[in-house]
Amino acid sequence: MENKSKKIKTIVYIDGYNFYYGLRTAYKGKYKWLDLQLLSDSFLQKDMELVKVKYFTTTITKSNNQTSKRQDIFLKALAAHCDKLEIIYGKFLSKSSQCRECGYKYEYYEEKKTDVNIACQILHDAYLDSYDCCYIVSGDSDLVPPVKIIKQSFPKKKIIIANPPNRKSNELCKAADGFFAISKQKIKTSQLPHSVQNKTGSKLIKPKSWI
């Protein structure tokens, strides 16, 4: 009986806002209706098996209600369509500042916990031996320390950086085993269906402003 070679267990970790802002700066309103599992699968070599996609994001709580609604539709569509995807949430922290010239006080929001969540997940999954190889979709140098720890503690595990459009950290790429830029073609061909049906039978439709 022929022995089949064991597949390389692979997890993809996606830094949601780092990826989103890269998409927005590169392609404006295009390609936001993105099938993250299909995109992740496109990274893999033939001897790899996608076991999980972990998507790190934060729900919008700011005053722009339409933006919040579009994000909610997108996240629900992902959950309904992608069977290997897990969404891990951080949070926005409200802060205040004041204009030095006119004295106007204003409130702004800062995303928190995403870097820590990604670091914890890639370290925890390495400890559990959940992957042989992982892809990190981010251009954030804050992820260098956990990558270095994994390379020191689990030298056989491979880490590859998938750089979002217009996002790259040379330090992060150098710490990993390899890196590449996510091409426009991969993004363009990894879109969700225009309409996604959830478990209740209702349809989640691509927002009109998302080209």
Protein backbone atom coordinates (compact mmCIF):
# COMPACT_ATOMS: atom_id res chain seq x y z
CA MET A 1 0.00 0.00 0.00
CA GLU A 2 1.38 3.40 -0.97
CA ASN A 3 2.10 5.77 1.90
CA LYS A 4 0.81 9.25 1.39
CA SER A 5 3.07 12.02 2.65
CA LYS A 6 1.73 13.91 5.62
CA LYS A 7 0.36 17.36 4.84
CA ILE A 8 1.99 20.40 6.43
CA LYS A 9 -0.49 21.88 8.93
CA THR A 10 -0.89 25.57 8.18
CA ILE A 11 -2.62 28.45 9.98
CA VAL A 12 -3.03 31.95 8.57
CA TYR A 13 -3.18 34.91 10.98
CA ILE A 14 -4.62 38.14 9.55
CA ASP A 15 -4.07 41.55 11.12
CA GLY A 16 -7.45 42.96 10.09
CA TYR A 17 -6.93 46.72 10.27
CA ASN A 18 -3.37 46.60 8.95
CA PHE A 19 -4.70 44.69 5.96
CA TYR A 20 -7.78 46.91 5.58
CA TYR A 21 -5.83 50.17 5.48
CA GLY A 22 -3.41 48.64 3.01
CA LEU A 23 -6.33 47.71 0.76
CA ARG A 24 -7.90 51.13 1.12
CA THR A 25 -4.74 53.07 0.26
CA ALA A 26 -3.90 50.80 -2.68
CA TYR A 27 -7.32 50.20 -4.24
CA LYS A 28 -9.67 52.79 -2.69
CA GLY A 29 -13.15 51.22 -2.48
CA LYS A 30 -12.27 48.04 -4.36
CA TYR A 31 -11.92 44.45 -3.16
CA LYS A 32 -13.12 44.94 0.44
CA TRP A 33 -15.71 42.14 0.06
CA LEU A 34 -12.89 39.68 0.56
CA ASP A 35 -13.14 35.93 1.12
CA LEU A 36 -10.33 35.65 3.66
CA GLN A 37 -10.35 31.85 3.66
CA LEU A 38 -10.07 31.65 -0.12
CA LEU A 39 -7.28 34.22 -0.06
CA SER A 40 -5.46 32.29 2.67
CA ASP A 41 -5.78 29.07 0.73
CA SER A 42 -4.14 30.76 -2.27
CA PHE A 43 -0.93 31.24 -0.24
CA LEU A 44 -0.40 27.51 0.31
CA GLN A 45 1.88 25.11 -1.51
CA LYS A 46 0.58 21.71 -2.69
CA ASP A 47 1.96 19.88 0.34
CA MET A 48 0.18 22.18 2.80
CA GLU A 49 -3.22 21.87 4.46
CA LEU A 50 -5.13 24.91 5.69
CA VAL A 51 -6.38 24.05 9.16
CA LYS A 52 -7.45 27.51 10.36
CA VAL A 53 -7.68 31.19 9.46
CA LYS A 54 -7.63 33.59 12.41
CA TYR A 55 -8.84 37.08 11.62
CA PHE A 56 -8.12 39.82 14.17
CA THR A 57 -10.31 42.89 14.07
CA THR A 58 -12.22 45.39 16.16
CA THR A 59 -15.86 46.34 15.78
CA ILE A 60 -16.48 49.96 14.92
CA THR A 61 -18.21 51.91 17.70
CA LYS A 62 -17.68 55.39 16.30
CA SER A 63 -20.47 57.70 15.17
CA ASN A 64 -20.35 56.64 11.50
CA ASN A 65 -23.34 54.31 11.56
CA GLN A 66 -23.09 53.32 7.88
CA THR A 67 -19.47 52.24 8.31
CA SER A 68 -20.48 50.13 11.30
CA LYS A 69 -23.33 48.53 9.33
CA ARG A 70 -21.04 47.64 6.41
CA GLN A 71 -18.53 46.07 8.76
CA ASP A 72 -21.27 44.09 10.49
CA ILE A 73 -22.53 42.70 7.17
CA PHE A 74 -18.99 41.76 6.14
CA LEU A 75 -18.19 39.96 9.40
CA LYS A 76 -21.49 38.05 9.29
CA ALA A 77 -20.85 37.07 5.67
CA LEU A 78 -17.40 35.76 6.59
CA ALA A 79 -18.81 33.74 9.49
CA ALA A 80 -21.52 32.25 7.27
CA HIS A 81 -19.31 31.47 4.27
CA CYS A 82 -15.93 30.44 5.73
CA ASP A 83 -15.90 27.20 7.71
CA LYS A 84 -12.26 27.43 8.83
CA LEU A 85 -12.27 31.08 9.85
CA GLU A 86 -12.28 32.35 13.42
CA ILE A 87 -12.79 36.05 14.21
CA ILE A 88 -10.90 37.35 17.26
CA TYR A 89 -11.90 40.79 18.52
CA GLY A 90 -9.89 43.58 20.07
CA LYS A 91 -11.41 46.92 21.00
CA PHE A 92 -11.28 50.65 20.33
CA LEU A 93 -10.13 52.85 23.20
CA SER A 94 -11.63 56.32 23.35
CA LYS A 95 -9.11 59.14 23.81
CA SER A 96 -9.29 62.92 23.78
CA SER A 97 -6.93 65.55 22.46
CA GLN A 98 -6.79 69.30 21.92
CA CYS A 99 -5.67 71.38 18.96
CA ARG A 100 -2.61 73.43 19.94
CA GLU A 101 -3.55 76.31 17.65
CA CYS A 102 -7.28 76.82 18.29
CA GLY A 103 -7.84 74.91 21.52
CA TYR A 104 -10.61 72.75 20.03
CA LYS A 105 -11.05 69.51 21.98
CA TYR A 106 -11.92 66.33 20.11
CA GLU A 107 -12.31 62.64 20.71
CA TYR A 108 -10.64 59.91 18.70
CA TYR A 109 -10.39 56.14 18.89
CA GLU A 110 -7.33 53.93 19.03
CA GLU A 111 -7.36 50.24 18.24
CA LYS A 112 -6.12 48.10 21.12
CA LYS A 113 -5.23 44.45 21.79
CA THR A 114 -4.81 43.28 18.17
CA ASP A 115 -1.02 42.94 18.31
CA VAL A 116 -1.22 41.24 21.70
CA ASN A 117 -3.99 38.91 20.49
CA ILE A 118 -1.98 37.87 17.43
CA ALA A 119 1.16 37.33 19.49
CA CYS A 120 -0.70 35.22 22.06
CA GLN A 121 -2.40 33.13 19.39
CA ILE A 122 0.71 32.33 17.33
CA LEU A 123 2.65 31.44 20.48
CA HIS A 124 -0.17 29.38 21.98
CA ASP A 125 -0.78 27.51 18.72
CA ALA A 126 2.94 26.80 18.39
CA TYR A 127 2.99 25.39 21.93
CA LEU A 128 -0.02 23.17 21.13
CA ASP A 129 1.66 22.09 17.87
CA SER A 130 -1.40 23.28 15.95
CA TYR A 131 0.68 24.23 12.91
CA ASP A 132 3.89 23.29 11.15
CA CYS A 133 3.86 26.49 9.13
CA CYS A 134 2.03 29.77 9.59
CA TYR A 135 1.45 32.86 7.48
CA ILE A 136 1.15 36.24 9.16
CA VAL A 137 -0.72 38.82 7.10
CA SER A 138 0.63 42.06 8.49
CA GLY A 139 3.23 44.75 8.01
CA ASP A 140 3.46 45.61 11.72
CA SER A 141 6.92 45.47 13.30
CA ASP A 142 5.33 44.99 16.75
CA LEU A 143 5.01 41.32 15.79
CA VAL A 144 8.79 40.83 15.57
CA PRO A 145 9.25 39.69 19.22
CA PRO A 146 6.75 36.77 19.11
CA VAL A 147 8.13 35.68 15.72
CA LYS A 148 11.66 35.60 17.17
CA ILE A 149 10.49 33.64 20.21
CA ILE A 150 8.84 31.00 18.00
CA LYS A 151 11.96 30.71 15.85
CA GLN A 152 14.08 30.21 18.96
CA SER A 153 11.74 27.82 20.79
CA PHE A 154 10.31 25.94 17.78
CA PRO A 155 13.02 26.15 15.07
CA LYS A 156 11.33 23.56 12.85
CA LYS A 157 8.18 25.64 12.49
CA LYS A 158 8.11 27.92 9.48
CA ILE A 159 6.81 31.49 9.58
CA ILE A 160 6.07 33.39 6.38
CA ILE A 161 5.02 37.03 6.21
CA ALA A 162 2.34 37.95 3.65
CA ASN A 163 2.63 41.71 3.20
CA PRO A 164 -0.67 43.56 2.62
CA PRO A 165 -0.71 46.19 -0.15
CA ASN A 166 1.42 49.21 0.82
CA ARG A 167 2.32 47.58 4.13
CA LYS A 168 5.75 46.11 4.85
CA SER A 169 8.07 45.86 7.82
CA ASN A 170 11.61 44.92 6.77
CA GLU A 171 12.34 43.96 10.37
CA LEU A 172 9.37 41.57 10.48
CA CYS A 173 10.28 40.05 7.12
CA LYS A 174 13.87 39.54 8.27
CA ALA A 175 12.73 37.74 11.45
CA ALA A 176 10.63 35.22 9.48
CA ASP A 177 11.60 32.34 7.19
CA GLY A 178 10.22 34.09 4.13
CA PHE A 179 7.93 36.83 2.88
CA PHE A 180 5.98 37.99 -0.15
CA ALA A 181 3.63 40.76 -1.20
CA ILE A 182 -0.02 39.78 -1.62
CA SER A 183 -0.72 40.44 -5.29
CA LYS A 184 -3.66 42.37 -6.66
CA GLN A 185 -4.61 39.27 -8.67
CA LYS A 186 -4.91 37.12 -5.52
CA ILE A 187 -7.10 39.75 -3.88
CA LYS A 188 -9.22 40.30 -6.99
CA THR A 189 -9.94 36.57 -7.43
CA SER A 190 -10.65 35.96 -3.72
CA GLN A 191 -13.92 37.86 -3.39
CA LEU A 192 -17.02 36.61 -1.59
CA PRO A 193 -20.16 35.88 -3.64
CA HIS A 194 -22.26 39.02 -4.13
CA SER A 195 -24.90 37.49 -1.85
CA VAL A 196 -24.14 35.16 1.08
CA GLN A 197 -26.85 33.19 2.87
CA ASN A 198 -26.55 32.79 6.61
CA LYS A 199 -27.85 29.96 8.80
CA THR A 200 -31.26 31.58 9.23
CA GLY A 201 -31.75 31.76 5.48
CA SER A 202 -31.46 35.54 5.18
CA LYS A 203 -29.10 37.07 2.62
CA LEU A 204 -26.06 39.18 3.36
CA ILE A 205 -25.44 41.40 0.34
CA LYS A 206 -22.25 43.19 -0.61
CA PRO A 207 -22.50 46.92 0.33
CA LYS A 208 -23.21 49.13 -2.68
CA SER A 209 -20.26 51.41 -1.99
CA TRP A 210 -17.85 48.46 -2.11
CA ILE A 211 -16.90 48.21 -5.77
